[in-house]
C-alpha atoms as a PDB file:
ATOM      1  CA  MET A   1      47.804  59.051 -92.121  1.00  0.00           C
ATOM      2  CA  MET A   2      48.394  61.216 -95.159  1.00  0.00           C
ATOM      3  CA  LYS A   3      45.591  61.652 -97.696  1.00  0.00           C
ATOM      4  CA  SER A   4      45.983  60.501-101.273  1.00  0.00           C
ATOM      5  CA  LEU A   5      45.800  63.039-104.079  1.00  0.00           C
ATOM      6  CA  LYS A   6      42.282  61.842-104.954  1.00  0.00           C
ATOM      7  CA  GLU A   7      41.156  62.311-101.346  1.00  0.00           C
ATOM      8  CA  VAL A   8      42.604  65.848-101.297  1.00  0.00           C
ATOM      9  CA  LEU A   9      40.794  66.771-104.515  1.00  0.00           C
ATOM     10  CA  ASP A  10      37.487  65.251-103.312  1.00  0.00           C
ATOM     11  CA  ASP A  11      37.634  66.715 -99.794  1.00  0.00           C
ATOM     12  CA  ARG A  12      35.112  69.553 -99.592  1.00  0.00           C
ATOM     13  CA  THR A  13      36.649  70.893 -96.363  1.00  0.00           C
ATOM     14  CA  GLU A  14      40.227  71.072 -97.679  1.00  0.00           C
ATOM     15  CA  VAL A  15      40.033  74.129 -99.910  1.00  0.00           C
ATOM     16  CA  THR A  16      42.483  76.858-100.813  1.00  0.00           C
ATOM     17  CA  ASN A  17      42.112  80.506 -99.898  1.00  0.00           C
ATOM     18  CA  TRP A  18      40.996  81.373-103.451  1.00  0.00           C
ATOM     19  CA  THR A  19      38.359  84.070-103.126  1.00  0.00           C
ATOM     20  CA  GLY A  20      36.282  83.198-106.163  1.00  0.00           C
ATOM     21  CA  SER A  21      37.635  85.651-108.704  1.00  0.00           C
ATOM     22  CA  GLU A  22      36.345  84.601-112.116  1.00  0.00           C
ATOM     23  CA  LYS A  23      39.083  86.608-113.828  1.00  0.00           C
ATOM     24  CA  THR A  24      41.961  84.755-112.150  1.00  0.00           C
ATOM     25  CA  ALA A  25      40.184  81.400-112.530  1.00  0.00           C
ATOM     26  CA  ALA A  26      39.744  82.031-116.267  1.00  0.00           C
ATOM     27  CA  ALA A  27      43.401  83.005-116.707  1.00  0.00           C
ATOM     28  CA  VAL A  28      44.597  79.894-114.888  1.00  0.00           C
ATOM     29  CA  ALA A  29      42.095  77.717-116.786  1.00  0.00           C
ATOM     30  CA  ASP A  30      43.554  79.034-120.050  1.00  0.00           C
ATOM     31  CA  GLU A  31      47.009  77.906-118.949  1.00  0.00           C
ATOM     32  CA  VAL A  32      45.660  74.485-117.926  1.00  0.00           C
ATOM     33  CA  ARG A  33      44.041  74.203-121.371  1.00  0.00           C
ATOM     34  CA  LEU A  34      47.344  75.086-123.084  1.00  0.00           C
ATOM     35  CA  ARG A  35      49.353  72.573-121.058  1.00  0.00           C
ATOM     36  CA  TYR A  36      46.925  69.657-120.790  1.00  0.00           C
ATOM     37  CA  GLY A  37      44.242  70.138-123.452  1.00  0.00           C
ATOM     38  CA  GLU A  38      40.586  71.101-123.527  1.00  0.00           C
ATOM     39  CA  SER A  39      39.400  67.850-121.939  1.00  0.00           C
ATOM     40  CA  GLU A  40      41.379  68.564-118.744  1.00  0.00           C
ATOM     41  CA  LEU A  41      39.119  71.521-117.930  1.00  0.00           C
ATOM     42  CA  ALA A  42      36.528  69.020-116.668  1.00  0.00           C
ATOM     43  CA  ASN A  43      38.950  68.295-113.773  1.00  0.00           C
ATOM     44  CA  PHE A  44      39.842  71.942-113.128  1.00  0.00           C
ATOM     45  CA  ASP A  45      38.635  73.257-109.769  1.00  0.00           C
ATOM     46  CA  PRO A  46      40.448  76.423-108.693  1.00  0.00           C
ATOM     47  CA  ALA A  47      39.518  75.886-105.032  1.00  0.00           C
ATOM     48  CA  ARG A  48      41.066  72.393-104.847  1.00  0.00           C
ATOM     49  CA  SER A  49      43.244  71.458-107.826  1.00  0.00           C
ATOM     50  CA  MET A  50      45.436  74.598-107.938  1.00  0.00           C
ATOM     51  CA  ARG A  51      47.660  75.323-104.958  1.00  0.00           C
ATOM     52  CA  THR A  52      50.837  77.114-104.036  1.00  0.00           C
ATOM     53  CA  PHE A  53      54.034  75.196-103.374  1.00  0.00           C
ATOM     54  CA  ARG A  54      53.590  75.675 -99.625  1.00  0.00           C
ATOM     55  CA  SER A  55      49.982  74.500 -99.679  1.00  0.00           C
ATOM     56  CA  TRP A  56      50.892  71.292-101.549  1.00  0.00           C
ATOM     57  CA  LEU A  57      53.796  70.732 -99.147  1.00  0.00           C
ATOM     58  CA  GLN A  58      51.491  70.999 -96.126  1.00  0.00           C
ATOM     59  CA  LEU A  59      49.331  68.268 -97.677  1.00  0.00           C
ATOM     60  CA  GLY A  60      52.345  66.008 -98.241  1.00  0.00           C
ATOM     61  CA  PHE A  61      52.911  66.669-101.947  1.00  0.00           C
ATOM     62  CA  VAL A  62      55.645  68.400-103.898  1.00  0.00           C
ATOM     63  CA  PRO A  63      55.874  69.548-107.533  1.00  0.00           C
ATOM     64  CA  GLN A  64      57.690  67.099-109.780  1.00  0.00           C
ATOM     65  CA  LYS A  65      61.193  68.025-110.800  1.00  0.00           C
ATOM     66  CA  GLY A  66      61.192  70.293-113.842  1.00  0.00           C
ATOM     67  CA  GLU A  67      57.582  71.459-113.480  1.00  0.00           C
ATOM     68  CA  ARG A  68      57.016  75.156-114.014  1.00  0.00           C
ATOM     69  CA  ALA A  69      54.533  77.107-111.940  1.00  0.00           C
ATOM     70  CA  ILE A  70      51.397  78.632-113.386  1.00  0.00           C
ATOM     71  CA  LYS A  71      51.555  82.364-112.773  1.00  0.00           C
ATOM     72  CA  SER A  72      48.593  84.144-111.243  1.00  0.00           C
ATOM     73  CA  TYR A  73      47.919  86.946-108.809  1.00  0.00           C
ATOM     74  CA  ALA A  74      45.996  87.634-105.646  1.00  0.00           C
ATOM     75  CA  VAL A  75      44.423  90.921-104.635  1.00  0.00           C
ATOM     76  CA  VAL A  76      45.558  91.850-101.136  1.00  0.00           C
ATOM     77  CA  GLU A  77      43.475  94.250 -99.077  1.00  0.00           C
ATOM     78  CA  VAL A  78      44.936  96.242 -96.194  1.00  0.00           C
ATOM     79  CA  LYS A  79      42.300  97.289 -93.666  1.00  0.00           C
ATOM     80  CA  ASP A  80      42.359 100.063 -91.100  1.00  0.00           C
ATOM     81  CA  GLU A  81      42.632  98.513 -87.631  1.00  0.00           C
ATOM     82  CA  LYS A  82      40.096 100.848 -86.040  1.00  0.00           C
ATOM     83  CA  SER A  83      37.383 101.134 -88.654  1.00  0.00           C
ATOM     84  CA  GLY A  84      37.928  97.889 -90.552  1.00  0.00           C
ATOM     85  CA  LYS A  85      37.643  99.741 -93.866  1.00  0.00           C
ATOM     86  CA  VAL A  86      39.905  98.837 -96.757  1.00  0.00           C
ATOM     87  CA  VAL A  87      42.572 101.539 -97.071  1.00  0.00           C
ATOM     88  CA  LYS A  88      44.755  99.941 -99.712  1.00  0.00           C
ATOM     89  CA  ARG A  89      44.567  97.213-102.373  1.00  0.00           C
ATOM     90  CA  PHE A  90      47.391  95.749-104.399  1.00  0.00           C
ATOM     91  CA  CYS A  91      48.139  92.720-106.541  1.00  0.00           C
ATOM     92  CA  ARG A  92      50.625  90.094-105.404  1.00  0.00           C
ATOM     93  CA  LYS A  93      52.073  87.589-107.836  1.00  0.00           C
ATOM     94  CA  ILE A  94      51.618  83.958-106.870  1.00  0.00           C
ATOM     95  CA  ASN A  95      52.908  80.713-108.330  1.00  0.00           C
ATOM     96  CA  LEU A  96      50.446  77.846-108.523  1.00  0.00           C
ATOM     97  CA  PHE A  97      50.833  74.164-109.298  1.00  0.00           C
ATOM     98  CA  TYR A  98      48.103  72.009-110.800  1.00  0.00           C
ATOM     99  CA  TYR A  99      47.354  68.624-109.256  1.00  0.00           C
ATOM    100  CA  ARG A 100      48.881  66.863-112.279  1.00  0.00           C
ATOM    101  CA  GLN A 101      52.216  68.553-111.513  1.00  0.00           C
ATOM    102  CA  VAL A 102      52.669  67.105-108.023  1.00  0.00           C
ATOM    103  CA  VAL A 103      53.692  63.789-106.472  1.00  0.00           C
ATOM    104  CA  GLU A 104      53.596  62.470-102.926  1.00  0.00           C
ATOM    105  CA  LEU A 105      56.514  63.763-100.898  1.00  0.00           C
ATOM    106  CA  ASP A 106      57.579  60.229 -99.873  1.00  0.00           C
ATOM    107  CA  SER A 107      57.617  58.970-103.471  1.00  0.00           C
ATOM    108  CA  LYS A 108      59.563  61.947-104.838  1.00  0.00           C
ATOM    109  CA  LYS A 109      62.344  60.790-107.132  1.00  0.00           C
ATOM    110  CA  VAL A 110      65.467  62.889-106.771  1.00  0.00           C
END
């Protein structure tokens, strides 16, 4: 059985691969504040309420038609296979959707 949106947000085991960067969380929180108001920040949890399109799809949700992604970035580290040391770092753009932007896949209105 598929989880409801509330169950997904409350589930402490179902988290994203966000690494805890305060800088990216603050940038995304600013966009949430602009779109939904200051009071919505009480519901903002970057590890659960912000996900990529693919992540929401795997949970059975899809962004509503017309919703625009919130732009962010992820730092990708390339490690040496032998030593395990980081040999290269670069930023990758990612598109995130807030929980208020998604609906259940079955109830999607086309």
